[in-house]
């Protein structure tokens, strides 16, 4: 597994955090929880092994956790920017690459500093059974979580 170590922040910067851990999944999530909590689908997530894989460095008092059943979304009370999400008892934390300092390069006409490096681009689609429409790309697709139940872009099972 690949290891991720990066700094992150909410939108306003009041909450600063450090992400450190083994990457379980780096993908585009189509689940209803992600879709409803972010208002977009799919959501690019990187899930990390361990409940302590996200360490709050500043702004702990500004953390706000919203729970729906076992799904928890942690945001900033000031800007409502997402910090992380997790499912209770599952032993992972999911973070959002757009909130992490993963970018490389210098700002210029192509805005290269805003691009996520190749190594951190999504590697697959998960919870593809919940997609709003078909995605015709080259990324592997899984009904729920990899490696079980791979699917074609139209959602039919991928034959072995």
Protein backbone atom coordinates (compact mmCIF):
# COMPACT_ATOMS: atom_id res chain seq x y z
CA UNK A 1 0.00 0.00 0.00
CA UNK A 2 1.02 3.57 -0.65
CA UNK A 3 1.62 5.95 2.25
CA UNK A 4 0.24 9.49 2.32
CA UNK A 5 1.63 12.30 4.44
CA UNK A 6 0.25 15.76 3.74
CA UNK A 7 -1.05 18.90 5.39
CA UNK A 8 -4.63 19.97 4.91
CA UNK A 9 -6.99 22.77 5.84
CA UNK A 10 -10.64 23.71 5.72
CA UNK A 11 -11.69 26.37 3.20
CA UNK A 12 -11.07 29.36 5.51
CA UNK A 13 -7.84 27.89 6.94
CA UNK A 14 -8.96 28.05 10.58
CA UNK A 15 -8.61 24.27 10.90
CA UNK A 16 -5.20 22.86 9.97
CA UNK A 17 -4.50 19.15 10.02
CA UNK A 18 -1.93 16.51 9.17
CA UNK A 19 -2.87 13.36 7.28
CA UNK A 20 -0.55 10.39 7.71
CA UNK A 21 -1.23 6.76 6.97
CA UNK A 22 -1.53 3.89 4.54
CA UNK A 23 -3.91 4.54 1.68
CA UNK A 24 -6.73 1.99 1.46
CA UNK A 25 -8.55 3.52 -1.51
CA UNK A 26 -8.00 6.55 -3.74
CA UNK A 27 -11.15 6.84 -5.77
CA UNK A 28 -14.36 8.44 -6.88
CA UNK A 29 -17.21 7.57 -4.52
CA UNK A 30 -20.79 7.45 -5.79
CA UNK A 31 -22.50 6.57 -2.49
CA UNK A 32 -25.59 8.52 -1.37
CA UNK A 33 -23.85 9.79 1.80
CA UNK A 34 -21.03 11.41 -0.16
CA UNK A 35 -23.41 12.75 -2.79
CA UNK A 36 -25.82 14.31 -0.30
CA UNK A 37 -23.21 15.71 2.08
CA UNK A 38 -21.11 17.33 -0.69
CA UNK A 39 -23.83 18.15 -3.21
CA UNK A 40 -21.89 16.52 -6.04
CA UNK A 41 -21.27 13.04 -7.40
CA UNK A 42 -18.87 11.41 -7.47
CA UNK A 43 -16.66 12.66 -4.64
CA UNK A 44 -12.87 12.16 -4.82
CA UNK A 45 -11.82 10.50 -1.54
CA UNK A 46 -8.61 9.07 -0.19
CA UNK A 47 -9.29 6.64 2.64
CA UNK A 48 -6.53 5.94 5.14
CA UNK A 49 -6.07 3.02 7.52
CA UNK A 50 -6.54 3.89 11.17
CA UNK A 51 -8.80 6.13 13.18
CA UNK A 52 -5.80 8.32 14.11
CA UNK A 53 -4.66 8.98 10.53
CA UNK A 54 -5.89 12.59 10.70
CA UNK A 55 -4.34 14.80 13.39
CA UNK A 56 -5.82 18.23 14.05
CA UNK A 57 -2.96 20.73 14.43
CA UNK A 58 -5.02 23.93 14.82
CA UNK A 59 -8.68 24.81 15.30
CA UNK A 60 -9.85 21.74 17.21
CA UNK A 61 -12.54 23.88 18.90
CA UNK A 62 -14.00 24.69 15.47
CA UNK A 63 -14.67 21.08 14.48
CA UNK A 64 -18.29 20.19 13.89
CA UNK A 65 -19.41 16.59 13.40
CA UNK A 66 -22.68 15.71 11.72
CA UNK A 67 -23.82 12.12 12.00
CA UNK A 68 -26.32 10.17 9.96
CA UNK A 69 -26.58 6.71 11.41
CA UNK A 70 -22.91 5.54 11.45
CA UNK A 71 -21.72 8.03 8.79
CA UNK A 72 -19.87 11.05 10.25
CA UNK A 73 -18.88 14.19 8.36
CA UNK A 74 -16.42 16.50 10.15
CA UNK A 75 -16.46 20.14 8.99
CA UNK A 76 -15.42 23.62 10.11
CA UNK A 77 -18.01 25.59 12.10
CA UNK A 78 -16.92 28.82 10.41
CA UNK A 79 -16.72 27.98 6.68
CA UNK A 80 -18.42 24.54 6.71
CA UNK A 81 -15.48 23.21 4.66
CA UNK A 82 -15.03 19.43 4.96
CA UNK A 83 -12.14 18.06 7.01
CA UNK A 84 -12.80 14.29 6.94
CA UNK A 85 -15.50 11.67 7.02
CA UNK A 86 -15.75 8.17 8.39
CA UNK A 87 -18.08 5.34 9.26
CA UNK A 88 -18.22 4.50 12.93
CA UNK A 89 -16.27 1.37 13.83
CA UNK A 90 -14.78 0.83 10.36
CA UNK A 91 -11.19 1.82 11.30
CA UNK A 92 -10.51 4.40 8.57
CA UNK A 93 -10.67 8.12 7.85
CA UNK A 94 -11.52 9.55 4.43
CA UNK A 95 -10.07 12.89 3.35
CA UNK A 96 -10.62 15.08 0.31
CA UNK A 97 -7.60 15.64 -1.96
CA UNK A 98 -8.84 19.13 -2.90
CA UNK A 99 -8.28 20.14 0.75
CA UNK A 100 -4.77 18.70 0.97
CA UNK A 101 -1.50 20.32 -0.01
CA UNK A 102 -0.67 17.74 -2.72
CA UNK A 103 -0.23 20.17 -5.58
CA UNK A 104 3.03 20.63 -7.42
CA UNK A 105 4.47 23.23 -9.72
CA UNK A 106 4.26 26.97 -10.00
CA UNK A 107 1.18 29.03 -10.66
CA UNK A 108 1.14 30.17 -14.26
CA UNK A 109 -1.11 30.51 -17.27
CA UNK A 110 -2.15 26.85 -16.99
CA UNK A 111 -2.66 27.09 -13.21
CA UNK A 112 -0.33 24.11 -12.76
CA UNK A 113 -0.07 24.66 -9.01
CA UNK A 114 -3.76 23.79 -8.66
CA UNK A 115 -3.50 20.38 -10.28
CA UNK A 116 -3.37 17.19 -8.28
CA UNK A 117 -0.25 15.20 -9.20
CA UNK A 118 -0.69 12.02 -11.25
CA UNK A 119 0.11 9.83 -8.24
CA UNK A 120 -2.91 11.18 -6.32
CA UNK A 121 -5.49 11.21 -9.11
CA UNK A 122 -8.41 8.80 -8.54
CA UNK A 123 -7.57 5.19 -9.29
CA UNK A 124 -11.10 3.70 -9.40
CA UNK A 125 -14.83 4.20 -8.89
CA UNK A 126 -16.43 2.77 -5.75
CA UNK A 127 -20.09 2.37 -4.84
CA UNK A 128 -20.66 2.50 -8.60
CA UNK A 129 -24.06 0.84 -8.15
CA UNK A 130 -25.25 4.24 -6.84
CA UNK A 131 -23.97 6.34 -9.78
CA UNK A 132 -26.25 9.00 -11.19
CA UNK A 133 -25.10 8.21 -14.73
CA UNK A 134 -22.55 6.00 -16.47
CA UNK A 135 -18.90 7.09 -16.52
CA UNK A 136 -17.11 6.10 -19.70
CA UNK A 137 -13.53 6.31 -18.51
CA UNK A 138 -10.69 3.83 -18.12
CA UNK A 139 -10.87 3.61 -14.31
CA UNK A 140 -11.95 0.28 -12.80
CA UNK A 141 -15.44 0.32 -11.31
CA UNK A 142 -16.71 -1.64 -8.31
CA UNK A 143 -20.27 -2.24 -7.19
CA UNK A 144 -19.33 -1.30 -3.62
CA UNK A 145 -15.68 -1.64 -2.54
CA UNK A 146 -12.71 -3.16 -4.36
CA UNK A 147 -11.71 -5.83 -5.12
CA UNK A 148 -15.17 -7.49 -5.13
CA UNK A 149 -17.82 -7.15 -7.84
CA UNK A 150 -16.03 -5.30 -10.67
CA UNK A 151 -18.38 -3.64 -13.16
CA UNK A 152 -18.37 -2.30 -16.70
CA UNK A 153 -19.13 1.39 -17.32
CA UNK A 154 -22.82 0.54 -17.87
CA UNK A 155 -23.00 -1.17 -14.46
CA UNK A 156 -23.17 -4.75 -15.72
CA UNK A 157 -20.82 -7.30 -14.12
CA UNK A 158 -17.35 -7.56 -15.59
CA UNK A 159 -16.87 -11.12 -16.77
CA UNK A 160 -13.79 -12.88 -15.44
